[in-house]
N, C-alpha and C. Protein backbone atom coordinates (compact mmCIF):
# COMPACT_ATOMS: atom_id res chain seq x y z
N UNK A 1 99.58 100.91 101.43
CA UNK A 1 98.81 101.72 102.32
C UNK A 1 97.53 102.13 101.57
N UNK A 2 96.40 102.07 102.25
CA UNK A 2 95.12 102.41 101.63
C UNK A 2 94.41 103.42 102.51
N UNK A 3 94.00 104.54 101.91
CA UNK A 3 93.23 105.55 102.63
C UNK A 3 91.80 105.52 102.11
N UNK A 4 90.87 105.54 103.04
CA UNK A 4 89.46 105.58 102.68
C UNK A 4 88.83 106.84 103.25
N UNK A 5 87.73 107.26 102.64
CA UNK A 5 86.93 108.35 103.17
C UNK A 5 85.54 107.79 103.44
N UNK A 6 84.59 108.04 102.56
CA UNK A 6 83.24 107.50 102.70
C UNK A 6 83.05 106.29 101.79
N UNK A 7 82.09 105.47 102.10
CA UNK A 7 81.70 104.32 101.28
C UNK A 7 82.85 103.32 101.08
N UNK A 8 83.69 103.18 102.10
CA UNK A 8 84.84 102.28 101.99
C UNK A 8 84.43 100.83 101.74
N UNK A 9 83.28 100.43 102.23
CA UNK A 9 82.84 99.04 102.03
C UNK A 9 82.60 98.72 100.56
N UNK A 10 82.46 99.74 99.72
CA UNK A 10 82.31 99.53 98.27
C UNK A 10 83.66 99.35 97.57
N UNK A 11 84.74 99.79 98.22
CA UNK A 11 86.06 99.79 97.59
C UNK A 11 86.82 98.51 97.89
N UNK A 12 87.50 98.01 96.88
CA UNK A 12 88.36 96.84 97.06
C UNK A 12 89.44 96.87 95.99
N UNK A 13 90.44 96.03 96.18
CA UNK A 13 91.47 95.90 95.16
C UNK A 13 92.05 94.50 95.17
N UNK A 14 92.64 94.14 94.03
CA UNK A 14 93.31 92.85 93.89
C UNK A 14 94.68 93.09 93.29
N UNK A 15 95.62 92.24 93.63
CA UNK A 15 96.92 92.22 92.99
C UNK A 15 96.97 90.92 92.19
N UNK A 16 97.26 91.07 90.91
CA UNK A 16 97.27 89.91 90.01
C UNK A 16 98.66 89.63 89.49
N UNK A 17 98.95 88.36 89.32
CA UNK A 17 100.15 87.89 88.64
C UNK A 17 99.64 87.23 87.36
N UNK A 18 99.71 87.96 86.25
CA UNK A 18 99.05 87.50 85.03
C UNK A 18 97.56 87.52 85.26
N UNK A 19 96.89 86.40 85.05
CA UNK A 19 95.45 86.32 85.30
C UNK A 19 95.13 85.69 86.65
N UNK A 20 96.16 85.36 87.43
CA UNK A 20 95.99 84.73 88.74
C UNK A 20 95.92 85.79 89.84
N UNK A 21 94.91 85.69 90.69
CA UNK A 21 94.79 86.62 91.82
C UNK A 21 95.80 86.21 92.89
N UNK A 22 96.74 87.13 93.19
CA UNK A 22 97.76 86.88 94.20
C UNK A 22 97.34 87.41 95.57
N UNK A 23 96.46 88.43 95.58
CA UNK A 23 96.02 89.04 96.84
C UNK A 23 94.70 89.76 96.61
N UNK A 24 93.79 89.64 97.56
CA UNK A 24 92.52 90.37 97.56
C UNK A 24 92.45 91.17 98.84
N UNK A 25 92.08 92.44 98.72
CA UNK A 25 92.03 93.31 99.90
C UNK A 25 90.99 92.84 100.91
N UNK A 26 91.21 93.17 102.19
CA UNK A 26 90.21 92.88 103.22
C UNK A 26 89.06 93.88 103.12
N UNK A 27 88.02 93.69 103.92
CA UNK A 27 86.94 94.66 104.02
C UNK A 27 87.50 95.95 104.58
N UNK A 28 87.17 97.06 103.93
CA UNK A 28 87.70 98.37 104.33
C UNK A 28 86.67 99.15 105.13
N UNK A 29 87.15 100.07 105.97
CA UNK A 29 86.32 100.85 106.89
C UNK A 29 86.46 102.33 106.54
N UNK A 30 85.37 103.09 106.67
CA UNK A 30 85.38 104.53 106.38
C UNK A 30 86.42 105.28 107.20
N UNK A 31 86.98 106.33 106.59
CA UNK A 31 87.87 107.28 107.25
C UNK A 31 89.04 106.60 107.95
N UNK A 32 89.78 105.82 107.18
CA UNK A 32 90.88 105.05 107.75
C UNK A 32 92.09 105.11 106.82
N UNK A 33 93.29 105.15 107.40
CA UNK A 33 94.52 104.91 106.66
C UNK A 33 95.05 103.59 107.18
N UNK A 34 95.14 102.62 106.30
CA UNK A 34 95.48 101.27 106.73
C UNK A 34 96.73 100.78 105.99
N UNK A 35 97.68 100.26 106.74
CA UNK A 35 98.87 99.67 106.15
C UNK A 35 98.64 98.17 106.01
N UNK A 36 98.84 97.66 104.82
CA UNK A 36 98.66 96.24 104.53
C UNK A 36 100.00 95.68 104.05
N UNK A 37 100.56 94.76 104.78
CA UNK A 37 101.80 94.11 104.35
C UNK A 37 101.45 92.79 103.71
N UNK A 38 101.95 92.59 102.49
CA UNK A 38 101.57 91.42 101.71
C UNK A 38 102.83 90.75 101.16
N UNK A 39 102.92 89.45 101.31
CA UNK A 39 103.98 88.66 100.67
C UNK A 39 103.37 88.04 99.41
N UNK A 40 103.87 88.46 98.27
CA UNK A 40 103.35 87.96 97.00
C UNK A 40 104.15 86.75 96.54
N UNK A 41 103.48 85.81 95.90
CA UNK A 41 104.22 84.67 95.34
C UNK A 41 105.09 85.14 94.18
N UNK A 42 106.18 84.45 93.95
CA UNK A 42 107.04 84.79 92.82
C UNK A 42 106.27 84.62 91.51
N UNK A 43 106.53 85.50 90.57
CA UNK A 43 105.93 85.37 89.24
C UNK A 43 107.03 85.15 88.22
N UNK A 44 106.69 84.62 87.08
CA UNK A 44 107.70 84.30 86.08
C UNK A 44 108.39 85.54 85.54
N UNK A 45 107.71 86.67 85.49
CA UNK A 45 108.30 87.89 84.93
C UNK A 45 108.45 89.00 85.97
N UNK A 46 108.17 88.72 87.24
CA UNK A 46 108.25 89.70 88.33
C UNK A 46 107.38 90.92 88.09
N UNK A 47 106.26 90.74 87.40
CA UNK A 47 105.33 91.83 87.16
C UNK A 47 103.97 91.49 87.74
N UNK A 48 103.34 92.52 88.33
CA UNK A 48 102.02 92.36 88.94
C UNK A 48 101.13 93.49 88.46
N UNK A 49 99.82 93.26 88.49
CA UNK A 49 98.85 94.29 88.13
C UNK A 49 97.99 94.60 89.34
N UNK A 50 97.58 95.86 89.46
CA UNK A 50 96.70 96.30 90.53
C UNK A 50 95.33 96.57 89.92
N UNK A 51 94.31 95.85 90.40
CA UNK A 51 92.94 96.03 89.91
C UNK A 51 92.13 96.68 91.02
N UNK A 52 91.64 97.89 90.79
CA UNK A 52 90.85 98.63 91.79
C UNK A 52 89.38 98.53 91.41
N UNK A 53 88.53 98.19 92.39
CA UNK A 53 87.12 97.97 92.13
C UNK A 53 86.24 98.82 93.05
N UNK A 54 85.04 99.12 92.57
CA UNK A 54 84.01 99.78 93.35
C UNK A 54 82.72 99.01 93.10
N UNK A 55 82.18 98.36 94.13
CA UNK A 55 81.02 97.49 93.95
C UNK A 55 79.77 98.24 93.49
N UNK A 56 79.66 99.52 93.80
CA UNK A 56 78.50 100.31 93.38
C UNK A 56 78.65 100.78 91.93
N UNK A 57 79.91 100.86 91.47
CA UNK A 57 80.16 101.22 90.08
C UNK A 57 80.36 102.70 89.83
N UNK A 58 80.50 103.49 90.89
CA UNK A 58 80.66 104.95 90.70
C UNK A 58 82.08 105.41 91.03
N UNK A 59 83.03 104.52 91.08
CA UNK A 59 84.46 104.75 91.34
C UNK A 59 84.73 105.00 92.81
N UNK A 60 86.01 104.97 93.16
CA UNK A 60 86.41 105.22 94.54
C UNK A 60 86.04 106.65 94.91
N UNK A 61 85.69 106.86 96.18
CA UNK A 61 85.29 108.16 96.69
C UNK A 61 86.45 109.15 96.63
N UNK A 62 86.15 110.42 96.33
CA UNK A 62 87.17 111.47 96.32
C UNK A 62 87.95 111.44 97.62
N UNK A 63 89.27 111.52 97.51
CA UNK A 63 90.13 111.53 98.70
C UNK A 63 90.66 110.17 99.09
N UNK A 64 90.11 109.11 98.51
CA UNK A 64 90.62 107.77 98.78
C UNK A 64 91.78 107.47 97.86
N UNK A 65 92.77 106.75 98.34
CA UNK A 65 93.92 106.41 97.52
C UNK A 65 94.58 105.13 97.99
N UNK A 66 95.49 104.64 97.17
CA UNK A 66 96.29 103.47 97.52
C UNK A 66 97.74 103.79 97.15
N UNK A 67 98.66 103.36 98.00
CA UNK A 67 100.09 103.57 97.75
C UNK A 67 100.78 102.23 97.86
N UNK A 68 101.61 101.91 96.87
CA UNK A 68 102.32 100.63 96.83
C UNK A 68 103.80 100.90 96.91
N UNK A 69 104.46 100.23 97.83
CA UNK A 69 105.91 100.34 97.99
C UNK A 69 106.58 99.18 97.27
N UNK A 70 107.83 99.36 96.91
CA UNK A 70 108.60 98.34 96.19
C UNK A 70 108.90 97.11 97.00
N UNK A 71 109.43 96.14 96.32
CA UNK A 71 109.79 94.86 96.92
C UNK A 71 111.32 94.75 96.89
N UNK A 72 111.89 94.33 97.99
CA UNK A 72 113.33 94.15 98.07
C UNK A 72 113.63 92.66 97.99
N UNK A 73 114.43 92.26 97.03
CA UNK A 73 114.77 90.85 96.86
C UNK A 73 116.28 90.67 96.92
N UNK A 74 116.70 89.59 97.52
CA UNK A 74 118.10 89.17 97.49
C UNK A 74 118.16 88.00 96.53
N UNK A 75 118.89 88.17 95.44
CA UNK A 75 118.96 87.11 94.44
C UNK A 75 120.04 86.11 94.82
N UNK A 76 119.63 84.86 94.95
CA UNK A 76 120.55 83.77 95.26
C UNK A 76 120.30 82.67 94.25
N UNK A 77 121.19 81.77 94.12
CA UNK A 77 121.01 80.68 93.16
C UNK A 77 120.25 79.55 93.84
N UNK A 78 119.22 78.99 93.25
CA UNK A 78 118.69 79.28 91.93
C UNK A 78 117.51 80.25 91.92
N UNK A 79 116.97 80.66 93.10
CA UNK A 79 115.78 81.50 93.08
C UNK A 79 115.91 82.63 94.09
N UNK A 80 115.14 83.74 93.88
CA UNK A 80 115.22 84.87 94.82
C UNK A 80 114.59 84.55 96.16
N UNK A 81 114.99 85.32 97.17
CA UNK A 81 114.49 85.16 98.53
C UNK A 81 114.06 86.54 99.00
N UNK A 82 112.87 86.66 99.55
CA UNK A 82 112.34 87.94 100.02
C UNK A 82 113.02 88.31 101.33
N UNK A 83 113.66 89.50 101.37
CA UNK A 83 114.31 89.96 102.60
C UNK A 83 113.69 91.25 103.11
N UNK A 84 112.49 91.57 102.63
CA UNK A 84 111.88 92.86 102.96
C UNK A 84 111.32 92.91 104.37
N UNK A 85 111.09 91.81 105.00
CA UNK A 85 110.42 91.89 106.28
C UNK A 85 111.09 91.17 107.35
């Protein structure tokens, strides 16, 4: 979930698996709370990084935030299967 206030078009984020970009945020709109559902590709260590960017370089506007929920996996042989959605 991503909340924006002002200057949302300057804000973006990426989810990385190692150095590979797994997801890039869409264009954001001012004064919005937006739910983004994303299916991430499996990674070798099941770890991801969140990279938050501001194109103007003055950081995200006060009051803007991002919330990330966990991933639910059912482990089967030989590989996991996403059952979250």
